[in-house]
N, C-alpha and C. Protein backbone atom coordinates (compact mmCIF):
# COMPACT_ATOMS: atom_id res chain seq x y z
N MET A 1 13.06 9.09 -5.33
CA MET A 1 11.70 9.54 -5.63
C MET A 1 10.85 9.35 -4.38
N ASP A 2 9.97 10.30 -4.12
CA ASP A 2 9.12 10.15 -2.94
C ASP A 2 7.98 9.18 -3.24
N LEU A 3 7.35 8.73 -2.17
CA LEU A 3 6.32 7.69 -2.28
C LEU A 3 5.11 8.14 -3.07
N GLU A 4 4.66 9.35 -2.87
CA GLU A 4 3.50 9.85 -3.61
C GLU A 4 3.78 9.86 -5.11
N GLN A 5 4.95 10.31 -5.50
CA GLN A 5 5.32 10.36 -6.91
C GLN A 5 5.42 8.95 -7.50
N SER A 6 5.95 8.01 -6.73
CA SER A 6 6.05 6.62 -7.19
C SER A 6 4.68 6.02 -7.47
N ILE A 7 3.74 6.24 -6.53
CA ILE A 7 2.39 5.70 -6.72
C ILE A 7 1.70 6.41 -7.89
N LYS A 8 1.89 7.72 -7.98
CA LYS A 8 1.27 8.49 -9.07
C LYS A 8 1.74 7.98 -10.43
N GLN A 9 3.04 7.82 -10.61
CA GLN A 9 3.57 7.34 -11.89
C GLN A 9 3.07 5.94 -12.22
N TYR A 10 3.08 5.06 -11.24
CA TYR A 10 2.62 3.70 -11.45
C TYR A 10 1.14 3.69 -11.86
N SER A 11 0.33 4.48 -11.15
CA SER A 11 -1.11 4.50 -11.43
C SER A 11 -1.41 5.06 -12.82
N GLU A 12 -0.64 6.05 -13.25
CA GLU A 12 -0.83 6.60 -14.59
C GLU A 12 -0.50 5.57 -15.67
N LYS A 13 0.57 4.81 -15.46
CA LYS A 13 0.92 3.75 -16.42
C LYS A 13 -0.12 2.64 -16.42
N ASN A 14 -0.77 2.43 -15.28
CA ASN A 14 -1.80 1.40 -15.16
C ASN A 14 -3.12 1.82 -15.81
N GLY A 15 -3.28 3.11 -16.07
CA GLY A 15 -4.50 3.59 -16.72
C GLY A 15 -5.56 4.08 -15.75
N TYR A 16 -5.30 4.00 -14.46
CA TYR A 16 -6.23 4.47 -13.44
C TYR A 16 -5.47 5.38 -12.48
N PRO A 17 -5.24 6.64 -12.88
CA PRO A 17 -4.44 7.54 -12.05
C PRO A 17 -5.11 7.88 -10.73
N ILE A 18 -4.30 7.99 -9.69
CA ILE A 18 -4.82 8.28 -8.36
C ILE A 18 -5.33 9.71 -8.28
N SER A 19 -6.39 9.87 -7.50
CA SER A 19 -6.87 11.21 -7.17
C SER A 19 -6.90 11.39 -5.65
N ASP A 20 -6.48 10.34 -4.92
CA ASP A 20 -6.42 10.39 -3.47
C ASP A 20 -5.14 9.69 -3.02
N PHE A 21 -4.43 10.32 -2.09
CA PHE A 21 -3.18 9.78 -1.57
C PHE A 21 -3.13 10.01 -0.08
N ALA A 22 -2.74 8.99 0.68
CA ALA A 22 -2.63 9.15 2.13
C ALA A 22 -1.51 8.27 2.68
N GLU A 23 -0.62 8.91 3.44
CA GLU A 23 0.40 8.15 4.15
C GLU A 23 -0.24 7.55 5.39
N VAL A 24 0.20 6.37 5.78
CA VAL A 24 -0.39 5.67 6.92
C VAL A 24 0.46 5.91 8.16
N HIS A 25 -0.23 6.23 9.25
CA HIS A 25 0.41 6.39 10.56
C HIS A 25 -0.42 5.61 11.57
N CYS A 26 0.26 4.95 12.46
CA CYS A 26 -0.41 4.19 13.51
C CYS A 26 -0.85 5.12 14.63
N ASP A 27 -1.81 4.68 15.41
CA ASP A 27 -2.27 5.44 16.57
C ASP A 27 -1.15 5.68 17.58
N CYS A 28 -0.14 4.80 17.59
CA CYS A 28 0.97 4.94 18.53
C CYS A 28 1.98 5.99 18.06
N GLY A 29 1.79 6.53 16.84
CA GLY A 29 2.67 7.55 16.30
C GLY A 29 3.69 7.04 15.30
N SER A 30 3.82 5.74 15.18
CA SER A 30 4.80 5.15 14.26
C SER A 30 4.32 5.24 12.81
N ASN A 31 5.28 5.30 11.90
CA ASN A 31 4.95 5.25 10.47
C ASN A 31 5.70 4.10 9.79
N LYS A 32 6.10 3.10 10.55
CA LYS A 32 6.81 1.93 10.01
C LYS A 32 5.94 0.69 10.21
N PHE A 33 5.81 -0.08 9.13
CA PHE A 33 4.91 -1.23 9.14
C PHE A 33 5.52 -2.42 8.41
N HIS A 34 5.03 -3.60 8.78
CA HIS A 34 5.29 -4.81 8.03
C HIS A 34 4.09 -4.97 7.09
N LEU A 35 4.36 -5.20 5.81
CA LEU A 35 3.31 -5.28 4.79
C LEU A 35 3.13 -6.71 4.34
N TYR A 36 1.88 -7.17 4.38
CA TYR A 36 1.52 -8.52 3.93
C TYR A 36 0.48 -8.37 2.83
N SER A 37 0.66 -9.13 1.74
CA SER A 37 -0.26 -8.96 0.61
C SER A 37 -0.40 -10.23 -0.21
N ASP A 38 -1.34 -10.17 -1.13
CA ASP A 38 -1.57 -11.22 -2.11
C ASP A 38 -1.75 -10.54 -3.46
N ASP A 39 -0.75 -10.61 -4.31
CA ASP A 39 -0.79 -9.96 -5.62
C ASP A 39 -1.86 -10.57 -6.52
N ASP A 40 -2.07 -11.87 -6.43
CA ASP A 40 -3.01 -12.54 -7.33
C ASP A 40 -4.46 -12.17 -7.02
N ASN A 41 -4.81 -12.10 -5.75
CA ASN A 41 -6.20 -11.84 -5.37
C ASN A 41 -6.46 -10.40 -4.96
N GLY A 42 -5.40 -9.61 -4.83
CA GLY A 42 -5.56 -8.20 -4.49
C GLY A 42 -6.04 -7.98 -3.09
N GLY A 43 -5.12 -7.99 -2.18
CA GLY A 43 -5.44 -7.72 -0.79
C GLY A 43 -4.19 -7.42 -0.01
N ALA A 44 -4.34 -6.65 1.07
CA ALA A 44 -3.17 -6.32 1.88
C ALA A 44 -3.59 -5.91 3.28
N TYR A 45 -2.68 -6.14 4.22
CA TYR A 45 -2.82 -5.60 5.56
C TYR A 45 -1.42 -5.28 6.08
N ILE A 46 -1.37 -4.43 7.10
CA ILE A 46 -0.10 -4.02 7.65
C ILE A 46 -0.12 -4.22 9.16
N VAL A 47 1.08 -4.39 9.72
CA VAL A 47 1.25 -4.53 11.16
C VAL A 47 2.28 -3.51 11.60
N CYS A 48 1.93 -2.69 12.57
CA CYS A 48 2.83 -1.65 13.06
C CYS A 48 4.10 -2.29 13.62
N SER A 49 5.23 -1.77 13.22
CA SER A 49 6.52 -2.29 13.69
C SER A 49 6.74 -2.01 15.17
N LYS A 50 6.09 -0.99 15.69
CA LYS A 50 6.31 -0.59 17.08
C LYS A 50 5.34 -1.28 18.04
N CYS A 51 4.03 -1.11 17.82
CA CYS A 51 3.04 -1.62 18.78
C CYS A 51 2.34 -2.90 18.33
N LYS A 52 2.60 -3.33 17.10
CA LYS A 52 2.05 -4.58 16.54
C LYS A 52 0.56 -4.52 16.21
N LYS A 53 -0.01 -3.31 16.17
CA LYS A 53 -1.42 -3.18 15.78
C LYS A 53 -1.57 -3.55 14.31
N GLU A 54 -2.59 -4.31 14.00
CA GLU A 54 -2.86 -4.72 12.62
C GLU A 54 -3.91 -3.82 11.99
N MET A 55 -3.69 -3.44 10.72
CA MET A 55 -4.65 -2.61 9.98
C MET A 55 -4.96 -3.28 8.64
N ASN A 56 -6.24 -3.48 8.40
CA ASN A 56 -6.73 -4.09 7.18
C ASN A 56 -6.91 -3.00 6.13
N ILE A 57 -6.22 -3.09 5.02
CA ILE A 57 -6.28 -2.06 3.99
C ILE A 57 -7.50 -2.27 3.10
N GLU A 58 -8.39 -1.29 3.13
CA GLU A 58 -9.63 -1.32 2.32
C GLU A 58 -10.42 -2.61 2.51
N ASN A 59 -10.40 -3.15 3.72
CA ASN A 59 -11.13 -4.39 4.03
C ASN A 59 -10.80 -5.52 3.06
N SER A 60 -9.54 -5.61 2.67
CA SER A 60 -9.14 -6.57 1.64
C SER A 60 -8.50 -7.84 2.21
N LYS A 61 -8.23 -7.89 3.50
CA LYS A 61 -7.52 -9.04 4.08
C LYS A 61 -8.25 -10.35 3.80
N GLU A 62 -9.58 -10.31 3.80
CA GLU A 62 -10.36 -11.53 3.58
C GLU A 62 -10.11 -12.16 2.20
N TYR A 63 -9.55 -11.39 1.26
CA TYR A 63 -9.29 -11.91 -0.09
C TYR A 63 -7.91 -12.54 -0.22
N ILE A 64 -7.10 -12.41 0.81
CA ILE A 64 -5.74 -12.96 0.76
C ILE A 64 -5.79 -14.48 0.91
N GLU A 65 -5.25 -15.18 -0.08
CA GLU A 65 -5.17 -16.64 -0.02
C GLU A 65 -3.73 -17.09 0.22
N GLU A 66 -2.78 -16.46 -0.47
CA GLU A 66 -1.37 -16.79 -0.30
C GLU A 66 -0.63 -15.53 0.13
N GLU A 67 -0.47 -15.40 1.42
CA GLU A 67 0.12 -14.21 2.02
C GLU A 67 1.63 -14.15 1.78
N VAL A 68 2.09 -12.95 1.42
CA VAL A 68 3.51 -12.69 1.23
C VAL A 68 3.92 -11.56 2.16
N ASN A 69 5.02 -11.74 2.87
CA ASN A 69 5.59 -10.67 3.68
C ASN A 69 6.49 -9.86 2.76
N ASN A 70 6.10 -8.64 2.45
CA ASN A 70 6.84 -7.80 1.52
C ASN A 70 8.06 -7.19 2.19
N ILE A 71 9.20 -7.30 1.53
CA ILE A 71 10.43 -6.72 2.03
C ILE A 71 11.12 -5.94 0.92
N CYS A 72 11.93 -4.99 1.31
CA CYS A 72 12.69 -4.19 0.34
C CYS A 72 13.84 -5.03 -0.24
N ASN A 73 14.38 -4.57 -1.34
CA ASN A 73 15.53 -5.24 -1.95
C ASN A 73 16.74 -5.30 -1.01
N CYS A 74 16.80 -4.39 -0.03
CA CYS A 74 17.91 -4.36 0.93
C CYS A 74 17.61 -5.24 2.15
N ASP A 75 16.54 -6.01 2.09
CA ASP A 75 16.09 -6.94 3.15
C ASP A 75 15.43 -6.27 4.34
N ASN A 76 15.13 -4.99 4.27
CA ASN A 76 14.40 -4.31 5.33
C ASN A 76 12.91 -4.64 5.17
N ASP A 77 12.26 -5.00 6.27
CA ASP A 77 10.83 -5.31 6.19
C ASP A 77 9.98 -4.35 7.02
N SER A 78 10.57 -3.25 7.48
CA SER A 78 9.83 -2.22 8.21
C SER A 78 9.76 -0.99 7.31
N LEU A 79 8.60 -0.77 6.72
CA LEU A 79 8.45 0.19 5.62
C LEU A 79 7.44 1.30 5.93
N ASN A 80 7.63 2.45 5.31
CA ASN A 80 6.62 3.51 5.31
C ASN A 80 5.58 3.11 4.28
N ILE A 81 4.30 3.24 4.61
CA ILE A 81 3.22 2.79 3.74
C ILE A 81 2.33 3.97 3.36
N ALA A 82 1.85 3.95 2.12
CA ALA A 82 0.88 4.95 1.65
C ALA A 82 -0.11 4.26 0.73
N ILE A 83 -1.31 4.81 0.70
CA ILE A 83 -2.39 4.26 -0.13
C ILE A 83 -2.81 5.32 -1.15
N GLY A 84 -2.87 4.91 -2.40
CA GLY A 84 -3.40 5.75 -3.46
C GLY A 84 -4.67 5.12 -4.01
N LYS A 85 -5.63 5.95 -4.36
CA LYS A 85 -6.89 5.42 -4.90
C LYS A 85 -7.31 6.18 -6.15
N ALA A 86 -7.83 5.43 -7.09
CA ALA A 86 -8.50 6.00 -8.26
C ALA A 86 -9.98 5.68 -8.09
N PHE A 87 -10.84 6.66 -8.36
CA PHE A 87 -12.27 6.48 -8.14
C PHE A 87 -13.03 6.35 -9.45
N TYR A 88 -14.22 5.75 -9.36
CA TYR A 88 -15.12 5.72 -10.50
C TYR A 88 -15.56 7.16 -10.79
N PRO A 89 -15.82 7.46 -12.07
CA PRO A 89 -16.26 8.82 -12.40
C PRO A 89 -17.51 9.22 -11.61
N TYR A 90 -17.51 10.44 -11.13
CA TYR A 90 -18.65 11.02 -10.41
C TYR A 90 -19.02 10.20 -9.16
N SER A 91 -18.01 9.60 -8.53
CA SER A 91 -18.27 8.74 -7.39
C SER A 91 -17.12 8.82 -6.40
N LYS A 92 -17.37 8.43 -5.18
CA LYS A 92 -16.33 8.29 -4.17
C LYS A 92 -16.06 6.82 -3.88
N ASP A 93 -16.53 5.94 -4.79
CA ASP A 93 -16.25 4.51 -4.68
C ASP A 93 -14.92 4.22 -5.36
N PRO A 94 -13.96 3.59 -4.63
CA PRO A 94 -12.66 3.30 -5.24
C PRO A 94 -12.79 2.33 -6.40
N ARG A 95 -12.09 2.65 -7.47
CA ARG A 95 -12.03 1.78 -8.63
C ARG A 95 -10.76 0.95 -8.60
N TRP A 96 -9.66 1.57 -8.18
CA TRP A 96 -8.38 0.89 -8.11
C TRP A 96 -7.65 1.36 -6.85
N VAL A 97 -7.00 0.42 -6.16
CA VAL A 97 -6.27 0.72 -4.94
C VAL A 97 -4.80 0.36 -5.15
N TYR A 98 -3.92 1.26 -4.74
CA TYR A 98 -2.48 1.06 -4.85
C TYR A 98 -1.86 1.17 -3.46
N VAL A 99 -1.08 0.17 -3.07
CA VAL A 99 -0.39 0.19 -1.79
C VAL A 99 1.10 0.34 -2.08
N GLY A 100 1.62 1.49 -1.70
CA GLY A 100 3.02 1.78 -1.93
C GLY A 100 3.81 1.73 -0.65
N ALA A 101 5.12 1.51 -0.79
CA ALA A 101 5.99 1.46 0.38
C ALA A 101 7.32 2.12 0.05
N LYS A 102 7.92 2.71 1.09
CA LYS A 102 9.23 3.32 0.96
C LYS A 102 10.11 2.82 2.09
N CYS A 103 11.33 2.49 1.73
CA CYS A 103 12.31 1.99 2.69
C CYS A 103 13.16 3.16 3.20
N ASP A 104 13.21 3.31 4.52
CA ASP A 104 14.05 4.36 5.11
C ASP A 104 15.54 4.02 5.05
N GLN A 105 15.85 2.73 4.91
CA GLN A 105 17.26 2.33 4.90
C GLN A 105 17.96 2.65 3.58
N CYS A 106 17.29 2.34 2.47
CA CYS A 106 17.95 2.55 1.17
C CYS A 106 17.25 3.60 0.31
N GLY A 107 16.02 4.02 0.69
CA GLY A 107 15.31 5.05 -0.04
C GLY A 107 14.45 4.55 -1.19
N LEU A 108 14.45 3.25 -1.46
CA LEU A 108 13.66 2.70 -2.56
C LEU A 108 12.17 2.82 -2.26
N SER A 109 11.39 3.26 -3.24
CA SER A 109 9.94 3.35 -3.08
C SER A 109 9.25 2.82 -4.32
N GLY A 110 8.04 2.33 -4.13
CA GLY A 110 7.27 1.82 -5.25
C GLY A 110 5.96 1.22 -4.79
N VAL A 111 5.17 0.76 -5.74
CA VAL A 111 3.91 0.09 -5.46
C VAL A 111 4.20 -1.39 -5.26
N TYR A 112 3.78 -1.89 -4.12
CA TYR A 112 4.01 -3.29 -3.79
C TYR A 112 2.85 -4.18 -4.19
N VAL A 113 1.63 -3.66 -4.12
CA VAL A 113 0.45 -4.43 -4.50
C VAL A 113 -0.64 -3.43 -4.94
N ASP A 114 -1.44 -3.85 -5.89
CA ASP A 114 -2.58 -3.04 -6.33
C ASP A 114 -3.68 -3.96 -6.80
N TRP A 115 -4.90 -3.46 -6.80
CA TRP A 115 -6.02 -4.27 -7.24
C TRP A 115 -7.18 -3.40 -7.67
N LYS A 116 -8.04 -4.00 -8.49
CA LYS A 116 -9.27 -3.34 -8.93
C LYS A 116 -10.36 -3.72 -7.95
N GLU A 117 -11.08 -2.70 -7.48
CA GLU A 117 -12.21 -2.93 -6.59
C GLU A 117 -13.42 -3.35 -7.42
N ASN A 118 -14.19 -4.26 -6.88
CA ASN A 118 -15.40 -4.71 -7.57
C ASN A 118 -16.64 -4.25 -6.86
């Protein structure tokens, strides 16, 4: 399953379906990242596997208390990342953020962390 479909299905089951989807690419041209997140507090950031540039996802890094380095079931930690968002009605303010990842080694994709925006 592709990453967009994985995030879409997850978001629909969560009750806040995405209306915006974007794959992440670094300025250096790479699309492989190390993903760090906090499931309990809802926050994530990524680090480019190639140039080591750090990107704060939706300005959520400040909410991370117990950081986890997300890895695939096959032990690969260099993942393709995409962000899906559900918005408040009649607004462009995100209501729910979904961070999905896909492994190029085994093909597994899914949502690694999500949170409700306040």
